[in-house]
Amino acid sequence: MIFAAYNKITIRIRMKKLALLFFVSVLIVGCRSWSPISLEQEKAPINPQIPNLQLYAGTEYYTEILSETEFRLFRQEMEENIMNPYGDKFGSAFYSSRVVENKSGMGYIILSGLSLYTLNLVGLPMHRINRTIEIEIRIIDLKGRLIGKYTARGTGKASIGLYYGFNWTSAYDKVLYESITEALSDIRTSIDEDSERIKTELLKTEKEIENEE
């Protein structure tokens, strides 16, 4: 009886050590780093590009606090694809975003724990992230008048697994990058279709101010 009880305790200890080993393996082996800095922003300039604008996060009425990555992606999109980034400012562009859907695969974490992470050996993800955001860009002339408002949604996905996927920080960075760039790409298309009118309106306002001086 004593020997049987000892064996049971030994087996439990070994199983706990095995579970801990799987968990550490997920963190060390299965999780790779990822950074949007390593990826090039899509370069597809519209034609014609609109005049240079001052860039802000938020709206005309309040300032929005963004992560460095999010504002950098917005700035790069505007400077490389949408506007001529040189010379005088002919107005402003206000960027704002909100999360419209945020799915987190907590079920994978529960199943992984219940199986002592053995299911992760055959491909079950440790965790999955699926997030959709909505981006709005408002273009304002030098007199504070709304010239254009453009809205689009983008979705990013990432998995954390034993032999694939990303670590927690990198997974959320990947999701942020994918969702923003998808939405900005759609907004770029809308601005491209409207670029002649935007350019005309911005230059017209600049002439009005010159004539008033």
C-alpha atoms as a PDB file:
ATOM      1  CA  MET A   1       0.000   0.000   0.000  1.00  0.00           C
ATOM      2  CA  ILE A   2       2.785   2.382   0.935  1.00  0.00           C
ATOM      3  CA  PHE A   3       4.630   1.521  -2.285  1.00  0.00           C
ATOM      4  CA  ALA A   4       1.482   2.117  -4.381  1.00  0.00           C
ATOM      5  CA  ALA A   5       0.863   5.476  -2.705  1.00  0.00           C
ATOM      6  CA  TYR A   6       4.495   6.407  -3.316  1.00  0.00           C
ATOM      7  CA  ASN A   7       4.136   5.519  -7.003  1.00  0.00           C
ATOM      8  CA  LYS A   8       1.026   7.687  -7.326  1.00  0.00           C
ATOM      9  CA  ILE A   9       2.791  10.667  -5.765  1.00  0.00           C
ATOM     10  CA  THR A  10       5.805  10.115  -8.011  1.00  0.00           C
ATOM     11  CA  ILE A  11       3.591   9.958 -11.123  1.00  0.00           C
ATOM     12  CA  ARG A  12       1.807  13.174 -10.150  1.00  0.00           C
ATOM     13  CA  ILE A  13       5.107  14.971  -9.619  1.00  0.00           C
ATOM     14  CA  ARG A  14       6.377  13.761 -12.974  1.00  0.00           C
ATOM     15  CA  MET A  15       3.175  14.872 -14.733  1.00  0.00           C
ATOM     16  CA  LYS A  16       3.451  18.312 -13.173  1.00  0.00           C
ATOM     17  CA  LYS A  17       7.061  18.555 -14.297  1.00  0.00           C
ATOM     18  CA  LEU A  18       6.026  17.443 -17.787  1.00  0.00           C
ATOM     19  CA  ALA A  19       3.292  20.076 -17.926  1.00  0.00           C
ATOM     20  CA  LEU A  20       5.768  22.718 -16.809  1.00  0.00           C
ATOM     21  CA  LEU A  21       8.216  21.535 -19.466  1.00  0.00           C
ATOM     22  CA  PHE A  22       5.551  21.856 -22.192  1.00  0.00           C
ATOM     23  CA  PHE A  23       4.661  25.341 -21.005  1.00  0.00           C
ATOM     24  CA  VAL A  24       8.285  26.478 -21.005  1.00  0.00           C
ATOM     25  CA  SER A  25       8.732  24.915 -24.451  1.00  0.00           C
ATOM     26  CA  VAL A  26       5.833  26.996 -25.739  1.00  0.00           C
ATOM     27  CA  LEU A  27       7.414  30.149 -24.422  1.00  0.00           C
ATOM     28  CA  ILE A  28      10.921  29.377 -25.668  1.00  0.00           C
ATOM     29  CA  VAL A  29      10.559  27.211 -28.784  1.00  0.00           C
ATOM     30  CA  GLY A  30       7.147  27.976 -30.162  1.00  0.00           C
ATOM     31  CA  CYS A  31       7.065  31.720 -29.772  1.00  0.00           C
ATOM     32  CA  ARG A  32       8.971  33.826 -32.233  1.00  0.00           C
ATOM     33  CA  SER A  33       9.328  37.557 -32.204  1.00  0.00           C
ATOM     34  CA  TRP A  34       7.748  39.817 -34.780  1.00  0.00           C
ATOM     35  CA  SER A  35       7.948  43.526 -35.322  1.00  0.00           C
ATOM     36  CA  PRO A  36       6.183  45.745 -37.888  1.00  0.00           C
ATOM     37  CA  ILE A  37       9.415  47.730 -38.063  1.00  0.00           C
ATOM     38  CA  SER A  38      10.918  44.846 -40.043  1.00  0.00           C
ATOM     39  CA  LEU A  39       8.205  45.061 -42.699  1.00  0.00           C
ATOM     40  CA  GLU A  40       8.025  47.682 -45.399  1.00  0.00           C
ATOM     41  CA  GLN A  41       4.963  49.836 -45.635  1.00  0.00           C
ATOM     42  CA  GLU A  42       3.058  49.252 -48.869  1.00  0.00           C
ATOM     43  CA  LYS A  43       4.023  51.897 -51.409  1.00  0.00           C
ATOM     44  CA  ALA A  44       1.222  52.677 -53.835  1.00  0.00           C
ATOM     45  CA  PRO A  45       1.021  56.468 -54.244  1.00  0.00           C
ATOM     46  CA  ILE A  46      -2.275  57.883 -55.426  1.00  0.00           C
ATOM     47  CA  ASN A  47      -2.366  60.129 -58.469  1.00  0.00           C
ATOM     48  CA  PRO A  48      -2.566  63.008 -58.023  1.00  0.00           C
ATOM     49  CA  GLN A  49      -1.335  63.213 -54.452  1.00  0.00           C
ATOM     50  CA  ILE A  50      -3.095  65.817 -52.331  1.00  0.00           C
ATOM     51  CA  PRO A  51      -1.253  68.876 -50.892  1.00  0.00           C
ATOM     52  CA  ASN A  52       0.772  68.632 -47.701  1.00  0.00           C
ATOM     53  CA  LEU A  53      -1.227  68.345 -44.458  1.00  0.00           C
ATOM     54  CA  GLN A  54      -0.487  68.616 -40.746  1.00  0.00           C
ATOM     55  CA  LEU A  55      -1.062  65.201 -39.145  1.00  0.00           C
ATOM     56  CA  TYR A  56      -2.912  64.692 -35.860  1.00  0.00           C
ATOM     57  CA  ALA A  57      -4.273  61.822 -33.785  1.00  0.00           C
ATOM     58  CA  GLY A  58      -7.887  62.424 -32.803  1.00  0.00           C
ATOM     59  CA  THR A  59     -10.331  64.965 -34.222  1.00  0.00           C
ATOM     60  CA  GLU A  60     -10.628  68.733 -34.347  1.00  0.00           C
ATOM     61  CA  TYR A  61     -12.193  68.556 -30.889  1.00  0.00           C
ATOM     62  CA  TYR A  62      -9.966  66.223 -28.885  1.00  0.00           C
ATOM     63  CA  THR A  63      -6.557  64.568 -28.985  1.00  0.00           C
ATOM     64  CA  GLU A  64      -6.296  60.785 -29.086  1.00  0.00           C
ATOM     65  CA  ILE A  65      -3.396  58.915 -27.505  1.00  0.00           C
ATOM     66  CA  LEU A  66      -1.993  56.309 -29.905  1.00  0.00           C
ATOM     67  CA  SER A  67       0.789  53.797 -29.671  1.00  0.00           C
ATOM     68  CA  GLU A  68       3.998  54.748 -31.433  1.00  0.00           C
ATOM     69  CA  THR A  69       3.410  51.961 -33.976  1.00  0.00           C
ATOM     70  CA  GLU A  70      -0.105  53.096 -34.865  1.00  0.00           C
ATOM     71  CA  PHE A  71       0.801  56.732 -35.429  1.00  0.00           C
ATOM     72  CA  ARG A  72       3.908  55.746 -37.378  1.00  0.00           C
ATOM     73  CA  LEU A  73       1.831  53.626 -39.770  1.00  0.00           C
ATOM     74  CA  PHE A  74      -0.609  56.500 -40.258  1.00  0.00           C
ATOM     75  CA  ARG A  75       2.201  58.980 -40.875  1.00  0.00           C
ATOM     76  CA  GLN A  76       3.955  56.689 -43.347  1.00  0.00           C
ATOM     77  CA  GLU A  77       0.741  56.042 -45.242  1.00  0.00           C
ATOM     78  CA  MET A  78       0.043  59.744 -45.572  1.00  0.00           C
ATOM     79  CA  GLU A  79       3.598  60.804 -46.453  1.00  0.00           C
ATOM     80  CA  GLU A  80       4.397  57.964 -48.860  1.00  0.00           C
ATOM     81  CA  ASN A  81       1.074  57.284 -50.556  1.00  0.00           C
ATOM     82  CA  ILE A  82      -1.509  59.997 -50.097  1.00  0.00           C
ATOM     83  CA  MET A  83      -0.012  63.483 -49.858  1.00  0.00           C
ATOM     84  CA  ASN A  84       3.005  65.466 -50.971  1.00  0.00           C
ATOM     85  CA  PRO A  85       4.916  65.707 -47.670  1.00  0.00           C
ATOM     86  CA  TYR A  86       6.967  68.761 -48.648  1.00  0.00           C
ATOM     87  CA  GLY A  87       6.350  72.484 -48.504  1.00  0.00           C
ATOM     88  CA  ASP A  88       3.626  74.495 -46.783  1.00  0.00           C
ATOM     89  CA  LYS A  89       0.670  72.910 -45.016  1.00  0.00           C
ATOM     90  CA  PHE A  90      -2.665  73.314 -46.772  1.00  0.00           C
ATOM     91  CA  GLY A  91      -4.786  71.854 -44.003  1.00  0.00           C
ATOM     92  CA  SER A  92      -4.866  68.996 -41.523  1.00  0.00           C
ATOM     93  CA  ALA A  93      -5.542  65.262 -41.444  1.00  0.00           C
ATOM     94  CA  PHE A  94      -7.009  63.801 -38.257  1.00  0.00           C
ATOM     95  CA  TYR A  95      -6.660  60.073 -37.552  1.00  0.00           C
ATOM     96  CA  SER A  96      -8.813  58.161 -35.068  1.00  0.00           C
ATOM     97  CA  SER A  97      -9.447  54.461 -34.465  1.00  0.00           C
ATOM     98  CA  ARG A  98     -11.622  52.173 -32.388  1.00  0.00           C
ATOM     99  CA  VAL A  99     -11.861  48.431 -31.776  1.00  0.00           C
ATOM    100  CA  VAL A 100     -15.132  47.042 -33.149  1.00  0.00           C
ATOM    101  CA  GLU A 101     -14.491  43.348 -32.488  1.00  0.00           C
ATOM    102  CA  ASN A 102     -11.997  41.582 -30.252  1.00  0.00           C
ATOM    103  CA  LYS A 103     -11.999  37.785 -30.139  1.00  0.00           C
ATOM    104  CA  SER A 104      -9.620  36.020 -27.792  1.00  0.00           C
ATOM    105  CA  GLY A 105      -9.155  32.231 -27.912  1.00  0.00           C
ATOM    106  CA  MET A 106      -9.403  31.504 -24.196  1.00  0.00           C
ATOM    107  CA  GLY A 107     -10.788  28.059 -25.020  1.00  0.00           C
ATOM    108  CA  TYR A 108      -7.398  27.056 -26.386  1.00  0.00           C
ATOM    109  CA  ILE A 109      -5.743  27.988 -23.104  1.00  0.00           C
ATOM    110  CA  ILE A 110      -8.247  25.870 -21.149  1.00  0.00           C
ATOM    111  CA  LEU A 111      -7.898  22.848 -23.457  1.00  0.00           C
ATOM    112  CA  SER A 112      -4.123  23.131 -23.357  1.00  0.00           C
ATOM    113  CA  GLY A 113      -4.102  23.137 -19.572  1.00  0.00           C
ATOM    114  CA  LEU A 114      -6.581  20.254 -19.242  1.00  0.00           C
ATOM    115  CA  SER A 115      -4.519  18.125 -21.632  1.00  0.00           C
ATOM    116  CA  LEU A 116      -1.282  19.040 -19.854  1.00  0.00           C
ATOM    117  CA  TYR A 117      -0.251  20.664 -23.157  1.00  0.00           C
ATOM    118  CA  THR A 118      -0.096  17.320 -25.003  1.00  0.00           C
ATOM    119  CA  LEU A 119      -2.654  18.566 -27.553  1.00  0.00           C
ATOM    120  CA  ASN A 120      -0.267  21.373 -28.441  1.00  0.00           C
ATOM    121  CA  LEU A 121       2.183  18.752 -29.672  1.00  0.00           C
ATOM    122  CA  VAL A 122      -0.244  17.860 -32.473  1.00  0.00           C
ATOM    123  CA  GLY A 123      -0.974  21.440 -33.475  1.00  0.00           C
ATOM    124  CA  LEU A 124      -3.559  22.865 -31.077  1.00  0.00           C
ATOM    125  CA  PRO A 125      -2.836  26.594 -30.649  1.00  0.00           C
ATOM    126  CA  MET A 126      -2.061  27.896 -27.190  1.00  0.00           C
ATOM    127  CA  HIS A 127      -3.960  31.089 -27.924  1.00  0.00           C
ATOM    128  CA  ARG A 128      -5.474  32.983 -30.858  1.00  0.00           C
ATOM    129  CA  ILE A 129      -6.141  36.671 -31.332  1.00  0.00           C
ATOM    130  CA  ASN A 130      -8.624  38.104 -33.829  1.00  0.00           C
ATOM    131  CA  ARG A 131      -9.249  41.847 -33.757  1.00  0.00           C
ATOM    132  CA  THR A 132     -11.101  44.222 -36.078  1.00  0.00           C
ATOM    133  CA  ILE A 133     -10.601  47.966 -35.870  1.00  0.00           C
ATOM    134  CA  GLU A 134     -12.258  50.897 -37.590  1.00  0.00           C
ATOM    135  CA  ILE A 135     -10.162  53.839 -38.754  1.00  0.00           C
ATOM    136  CA  GLU A 136     -11.399  57.294 -39.678  1.00  0.00           C
ATOM    137  CA  ILE A 137      -9.392  60.010 -41.408  1.00  0.00           C
ATOM    138  CA  ARG A 138     -10.834  63.521 -41.591  1.00  0.00           C
ATOM    139  CA  ILE A 139      -9.308  66.123 -43.919  1.00  0.00           C
ATOM    140  CA  ILE A 140      -9.777  69.735 -42.831  1.00  0.00           C
ATOM    141  CA  ASP A 141      -8.859  72.883 -44.780  1.00  0.00           C
ATOM    142  CA  LEU A 142      -7.056  75.951 -43.394  1.00  0.00           C
ATOM    143  CA  LYS A 143     -10.362  77.499 -42.340  1.00  0.00           C
ATOM    144  CA  GLY A 144     -11.395  74.443 -40.335  1.00  0.00           C
ATOM    145  CA  ARG A 145     -13.929  73.186 -42.881  1.00  0.00           C
ATOM    146  CA  LEU A 146     -14.400  69.468 -43.426  1.00  0.00           C
ATOM    147  CA  ILE A 147     -13.180  68.524 -46.898  1.00  0.00           C
ATOM    148  CA  GLY A 148     -13.472  64.749 -46.616  1.00  0.00           C
ATOM    149  CA  LYS A 149     -14.182  61.965 -44.139  1.00  0.00           C
ATOM    150  CA  TYR A 150     -13.047  58.420 -44.879  1.00  0.00           C
ATOM    151  CA  THR A 151     -13.726  55.291 -42.829  1.00  0.00           C
ATOM    152  CA  ALA A 152     -12.648  51.664 -43.226  1.00  0.00           C
ATOM    153  CA  ARG A 153     -12.212  48.507 -41.169  1.00  0.00           C
ATOM    154  CA  GLY A 154      -9.308  46.085 -40.990  1.00  0.00           C
ATOM    155  CA  THR A 155      -8.776  42.728 -39.284  1.00  0.00           C
ATOM    156  CA  GLY A 156      -5.627  41.166 -37.859  1.00  0.00           C
ATOM    157  CA  LYS A 157      -5.074  37.578 -36.705  1.00  0.00           C
ATOM    158  CA  ALA A 158      -2.281  35.790 -34.857  1.00  0.00           C
ATOM    159  CA  SER A 159      -1.704  32.430 -33.163  1.00  0.00           C
ATOM    160  CA  ILE A 160       0.529  31.324 -30.327  1.00  0.00           C
ATOM    161  CA  GLY A 161       1.551  27.670 -30.678  1.00  0.00           C
ATOM    162  CA  LEU A 162       4.176  25.173 -29.654  1.00  0.00           C
ATOM    163  CA  TYR A 163       6.024  24.959 -32.979  1.00  0.00           C
ATOM    164  CA  TYR A 164       4.668  28.070 -34.652  1.00  0.00           C
ATOM    165  CA  GLY A 165       3.128  31.441 -33.907  1.00  0.00           C
ATOM    166  CA  PHE A 166       4.381  34.323 -31.816  1.00  0.00           C
ATOM    167  CA  ASN A 167       4.936  35.350 -28.240  1.00  0.00           C
ATOM    168  CA  TRP A 168       2.242  37.423 -26.578  1.00  0.00           C
ATOM    169  CA  THR A 169       3.718  40.846 -27.324  1.00  0.00           C
ATOM    170  CA  SER A 170       4.610  40.001 -30.914  1.00  0.00           C
ATOM    171  CA  ALA A 171       1.170  38.496 -31.560  1.00  0.00           C
ATOM    172  CA  TYR A 172      -0.598  41.708 -30.573  1.00  0.00           C
ATOM    173  CA  ASP A 173       1.900  43.764 -32.606  1.00  0.00           C
ATOM    174  CA  LYS A 174       1.164  41.619 -35.671  1.00  0.00           C
ATOM    175  CA  VAL A 175      -2.588  41.979 -35.202  1.00  0.00           C
ATOM    176  CA  LEU A 176      -2.268  45.746 -34.836  1.00  0.00           C
ATOM    177  CA  TYR A 177      -0.112  46.021 -37.957  1.00  0.00           C
ATOM    178  CA  GLU A 178      -2.399  43.876 -40.122  1.00  0.00           C
ATOM    179  CA  SER A 179      -5.634  45.556 -39.067  1.00  0.00           C
ATOM    180  CA  ILE A 180      -4.296  49.090 -39.518  1.00  0.00           C
ATOM    181  CA  THR A 181      -2.645  48.492 -42.887  1.00  0.00           C
ATOM    182  CA  GLU A 182      -5.757  46.798 -44.266  1.00  0.00           C
ATOM    183  CA  ALA A 183      -7.984  49.695 -43.207  1.00  0.00           C
ATOM    184  CA  LEU A 184      -5.520  52.322 -44.463  1.00  0.00           C
ATOM    185  CA  SER A 185      -5.295  50.578 -47.821  1.00  0.00           C
ATOM    186  CA  ASP A 186      -9.088  50.838 -48.260  1.00  0.00           C
ATOM    187  CA  ILE A 187      -9.049  54.484 -47.187  1.00  0.00           C
ATOM    188  CA  ARG A 188      -6.268  55.177 -49.683  1.00  0.00           C
ATOM    189  CA  THR A 189      -8.486  53.838 -52.462  1.00  0.00           C
ATOM    190  CA  SER A 190     -11.343  56.126 -51.407  1.00  0.00           C
ATOM    191  CA  ILE A 191      -9.096  59.191 -51.203  1.00  0.00           C
ATOM    192  CA  ASP A 192      -7.592  58.327 -54.595  1.00  0.00           C
ATOM    193  CA  GLU A 193     -11.051  58.454 -56.159  1.00  0.00           C
ATOM    194  CA  ASP A 194     -11.627  61.833 -54.505  1.00  0.00           C
ATOM    195  CA  SER A 195      -8.126  63.310 -54.797  1.00  0.00           C
ATOM    196  CA  GLU A 196      -8.857  65.842 -57.538  1.00  0.00           C
ATOM    197  CA  ARG A 197     -11.696  67.385 -55.534  1.00  0.00           C
ATOM    198  CA  ILE A 198      -9.659  67.405 -52.306  1.00  0.00           C
ATOM    199  CA  LYS A 199      -6.720  69.075 -54.025  1.00  0.00           C
ATOM    200  CA  THR A 200      -8.978  71.695 -55.599  1.00  0.00           C
ATOM    201  CA  GLU A 201     -10.723  72.482 -52.306  1.00  0.00           C
ATOM    202  CA  LEU A 202      -7.496  72.798 -50.317  1.00  0.00           C
ATOM    203  CA  LEU A 203      -5.856  75.067 -52.884  1.00  0.00           C
ATOM    204  CA  LYS A 204      -9.027  77.139 -53.165  1.00  0.00           C
ATOM    205  CA  THR A 205      -9.044  77.796 -49.415  1.00  0.00           C
ATOM    206  CA  GLU A 206      -5.379  78.753 -49.487  1.00  0.00           C
ATOM    207  CA  LYS A 207      -6.138  81.315 -52.231  1.00  0.00           C
ATOM    208  CA  GLU A 208      -9.053  82.705 -50.217  1.00  0.00           C
ATOM    209  CA  ILE A 209      -6.749  83.311 -47.255  1.00  0.00           C
ATOM    210  CA  GLU A 210      -4.154  84.976 -49.477  1.00  0.00           C
ATOM    211  CA  ASN A 211      -6.807  87.332 -50.912  1.00  0.00           C
ATOM    212  CA  GLU A 212      -8.011  88.269 -47.427  1.00  0.00           C
ATOM    213  CA  GLU A 213      -4.574  89.387 -46.325  1.00  0.00           C
END
